[in-house]
Amino acid sequence: MSNRYANLMKLDDAAFRRVTGTKRCVFDKMLIIVHLFHFPQHKQGGAPNKIPLADKLLIALQYWREYRTFESIGVDYGVNRSTIQRIVAR
C-alpha cells in the first residue's frame, strides 16, 4: 500500500488545495491535531496501523469533499469499507 500523503507532498500548493480542499499549512495543523488525539489512545501498543495517520486524514477529507462511498474509498486503499467508516467517524 502506497503512502498517498507522500505523493501529495510533491504537488505545488495550488494542486494540493485542489485535491484536498485545504491549504497545505491547514492540512499540517489538522495532522498535528489528529496525532495528538491518536497518540494517547494507542500508546499502550497493539497492532501497527495499516494506514498512516496522514492517509487517514486524507480519507476523511476525500469522503467529505467528494461524497464517495466507503466502498469505493476502501477499494482505493485496499481495506474494508467498515475500516473507512471508522476512520471518517473518528
C-alpha atoms as a PDB file:
ATOM      1  CA  MET A   1       0.000   0.000   0.000  1.00  0.00           C
ATOM      2  CA  SER A   2       1.471   3.349  -1.011  1.00  0.00           C
ATOM      3  CA  ASN A   3       1.628   6.407   1.179  1.00  0.00           C
ATOM      4  CA  ARG A   4      -0.647   8.813  -0.676  1.00  0.00           C
ATOM      5  CA  TYR A   5       0.385  11.735   1.540  1.00  0.00           C
ATOM      6  CA  ALA A   6       3.969  11.419   0.282  1.00  0.00           C
ATOM      7  CA  ASN A   7       2.664  11.645  -3.282  1.00  0.00           C
ATOM      8  CA  LEU A   8       0.615  14.752  -2.451  1.00  0.00           C
ATOM      9  CA  MET A   9       3.625  16.484  -0.905  1.00  0.00           C
ATOM     10  CA  LYS A  10       5.208  16.509  -4.371  1.00  0.00           C
ATOM     11  CA  LEU A  11       2.401  18.739  -5.693  1.00  0.00           C
ATOM     12  CA  ASP A  12       2.577  22.517  -5.714  1.00  0.00           C
ATOM     13  CA  ASP A  13       0.350  24.447  -3.266  1.00  0.00           C
ATOM     14  CA  ALA A  14      -2.450  25.117  -5.764  1.00  0.00           C
ATOM     15  CA  ALA A  15      -2.683  21.475  -6.841  1.00  0.00           C
ATOM     16  CA  PHE A  16      -2.555  20.328  -3.195  1.00  0.00           C
ATOM     17  CA  ARG A  17      -5.513  22.559  -2.391  1.00  0.00           C
ATOM     18  CA  ARG A  18      -7.492  21.321  -5.392  1.00  0.00           C
ATOM     19  CA  VAL A  19      -7.007  17.709  -4.315  1.00  0.00           C
ATOM     20  CA  THR A  20      -7.570  18.048  -0.554  1.00  0.00           C
ATOM     21  CA  GLY A  21      -9.767  21.133  -0.330  1.00  0.00           C
ATOM     22  CA  THR A  22      -7.413  22.746   2.205  1.00  0.00           C
ATOM     23  CA  LYS A  23      -4.195  24.708   2.137  1.00  0.00           C
ATOM     24  CA  ARG A  24      -1.054  22.774   2.962  1.00  0.00           C
ATOM     25  CA  CYS A  25      -0.496  24.717   6.212  1.00  0.00           C
ATOM     26  CA  VAL A  26      -4.076  23.980   7.345  1.00  0.00           C
ATOM     27  CA  PHE A  27      -3.639  20.310   6.482  1.00  0.00           C
ATOM     28  CA  ASP A  28      -0.420  20.182   8.524  1.00  0.00           C
ATOM     29  CA  LYS A  29      -2.204  21.735  11.519  1.00  0.00           C
ATOM     30  CA  MET A  30      -5.051  19.242  11.177  1.00  0.00           C
ATOM     31  CA  LEU A  31      -2.496  16.431  11.064  1.00  0.00           C
ATOM     32  CA  ILE A  32      -0.947  17.648  14.330  1.00  0.00           C
ATOM     33  CA  ILE A  33      -4.384  17.662  15.987  1.00  0.00           C
ATOM     34  CA  VAL A  34      -5.136  14.163  14.679  1.00  0.00           C
ATOM     35  CA  HIS A  35      -1.770  12.962  16.012  1.00  0.00           C
ATOM     36  CA  LEU A  36      -2.449  14.487  19.446  1.00  0.00           C
ATOM     37  CA  PHE A  37      -5.850  12.761  19.524  1.00  0.00           C
ATOM     38  CA  HIS A  38      -4.500   9.436  18.251  1.00  0.00           C
ATOM     39  CA  PHE A  39      -1.352   9.083  20.404  1.00  0.00           C
ATOM     40  CA  PRO A  40      -2.945   8.782  23.879  1.00  0.00           C
ATOM     41  CA  GLN A  41      -5.404   6.178  22.622  1.00  0.00           C
ATOM     42  CA  HIS A  42      -2.680   3.954  21.185  1.00  0.00           C
ATOM     43  CA  LYS A  43       0.305   4.487  23.498  1.00  0.00           C
ATOM     44  CA  GLN A  44      -0.107   1.071  25.113  1.00  0.00           C
ATOM     45  CA  GLY A  45       0.643  -0.705  21.875  1.00  0.00           C
ATOM     46  CA  GLY A  46      -1.338  -3.057  19.732  1.00  0.00           C
ATOM     47  CA  ALA A  47      -1.133  -3.973  16.091  1.00  0.00           C
ATOM     48  CA  PRO A  48       0.585  -1.457  13.819  1.00  0.00           C
ATOM     49  CA  ASN A  49      -1.657   0.698  11.680  1.00  0.00           C
ATOM     50  CA  LYS A  50      -2.152  -0.416   8.092  1.00  0.00           C
ATOM     51  CA  ILE A  51      -2.878   3.153   7.055  1.00  0.00           C
ATOM     52  CA  PRO A  52      -0.633   6.054   8.214  1.00  0.00           C
ATOM     53  CA  LEU A  53      -2.286   8.956  10.074  1.00  0.00           C
ATOM     54  CA  ALA A  54      -1.750  11.380   7.198  1.00  0.00           C
ATOM     55  CA  ASP A  55      -3.548   8.992   4.863  1.00  0.00           C
ATOM     56  CA  LYS A  56      -6.379   8.598   7.382  1.00  0.00           C
ATOM     57  CA  LEU A  57      -6.839  12.356   7.346  1.00  0.00           C
ATOM     58  CA  LEU A  58      -6.816  12.273   3.542  1.00  0.00           C
ATOM     59  CA  ILE A  59      -9.509   9.571   3.606  1.00  0.00           C
ATOM     60  CA  ALA A  60     -11.777  11.725   5.772  1.00  0.00           C
ATOM     61  CA  LEU A  61     -11.214  14.787   3.585  1.00  0.00           C
ATOM     62  CA  GLN A  62     -11.806  12.750   0.450  1.00  0.00           C
ATOM     63  CA  TYR A  63     -15.079  11.417   1.832  1.00  0.00           C
ATOM     64  CA  TRP A  64     -16.340  14.853   2.886  1.00  0.00           C
ATOM     65  CA  ARG A  65     -15.147  16.631  -0.263  1.00  0.00           C
ATOM     66  CA  GLU A  66     -16.127  14.137  -2.952  1.00  0.00           C
ATOM     67  CA  TYR A  67     -19.048  12.306  -1.277  1.00  0.00           C
ATOM     68  CA  ARG A  68     -17.612   8.979  -2.389  1.00  0.00           C
ATOM     69  CA  THR A  69     -18.894   5.776  -0.858  1.00  0.00           C
ATOM     70  CA  PHE A  70     -16.955   3.972   1.858  1.00  0.00           C
ATOM     71  CA  GLU A  71     -16.767   1.011  -0.508  1.00  0.00           C
ATOM     72  CA  SER A  72     -15.010   2.925  -3.303  1.00  0.00           C
ATOM     73  CA  ILE A  73     -12.522   4.580  -0.944  1.00  0.00           C
ATOM     74  CA  GLY A  74     -11.855   1.191   0.667  1.00  0.00           C
ATOM     75  CA  VAL A  75     -11.035  -0.286  -2.730  1.00  0.00           C
ATOM     76  CA  ASP A  76      -8.516   2.522  -3.354  1.00  0.00           C
ATOM     77  CA  TYR A  77      -6.766   1.884  -0.035  1.00  0.00           C
ATOM     78  CA  GLY A  78      -7.131  -1.900  -0.028  1.00  0.00           C
ATOM     79  CA  VAL A  79      -9.202  -2.099   3.173  1.00  0.00           C
ATOM     80  CA  ASN A  80     -12.780  -2.977   4.071  1.00  0.00           C
ATOM     81  CA  ARG A  81     -15.497  -0.305   3.920  1.00  0.00           C
ATOM     82  CA  SER A  82     -16.045  -0.654   7.685  1.00  0.00           C
ATOM     83  CA  THR A  83     -12.441   0.454   8.235  1.00  0.00           C
ATOM     84  CA  ILE A  84     -13.090   3.574   6.151  1.00  0.00           C
ATOM     85  CA  GLN A  85     -16.298   4.240   8.092  1.00  0.00           C
ATOM     86  CA  ARG A  86     -14.405   4.060  11.409  1.00  0.00           C
ATOM     87  CA  ILE A  87     -11.714   6.411  10.118  1.00  0.00           C
ATOM     88  CA  VAL A  88     -14.257   9.009   8.992  1.00  0.00           C
ATOM     89  CA  ALA A  89     -16.271   8.669  12.228  1.00  0.00           C
ATOM     90  CA  ARG A  90     -13.200   9.350  14.374  1.00  0.00           C
END
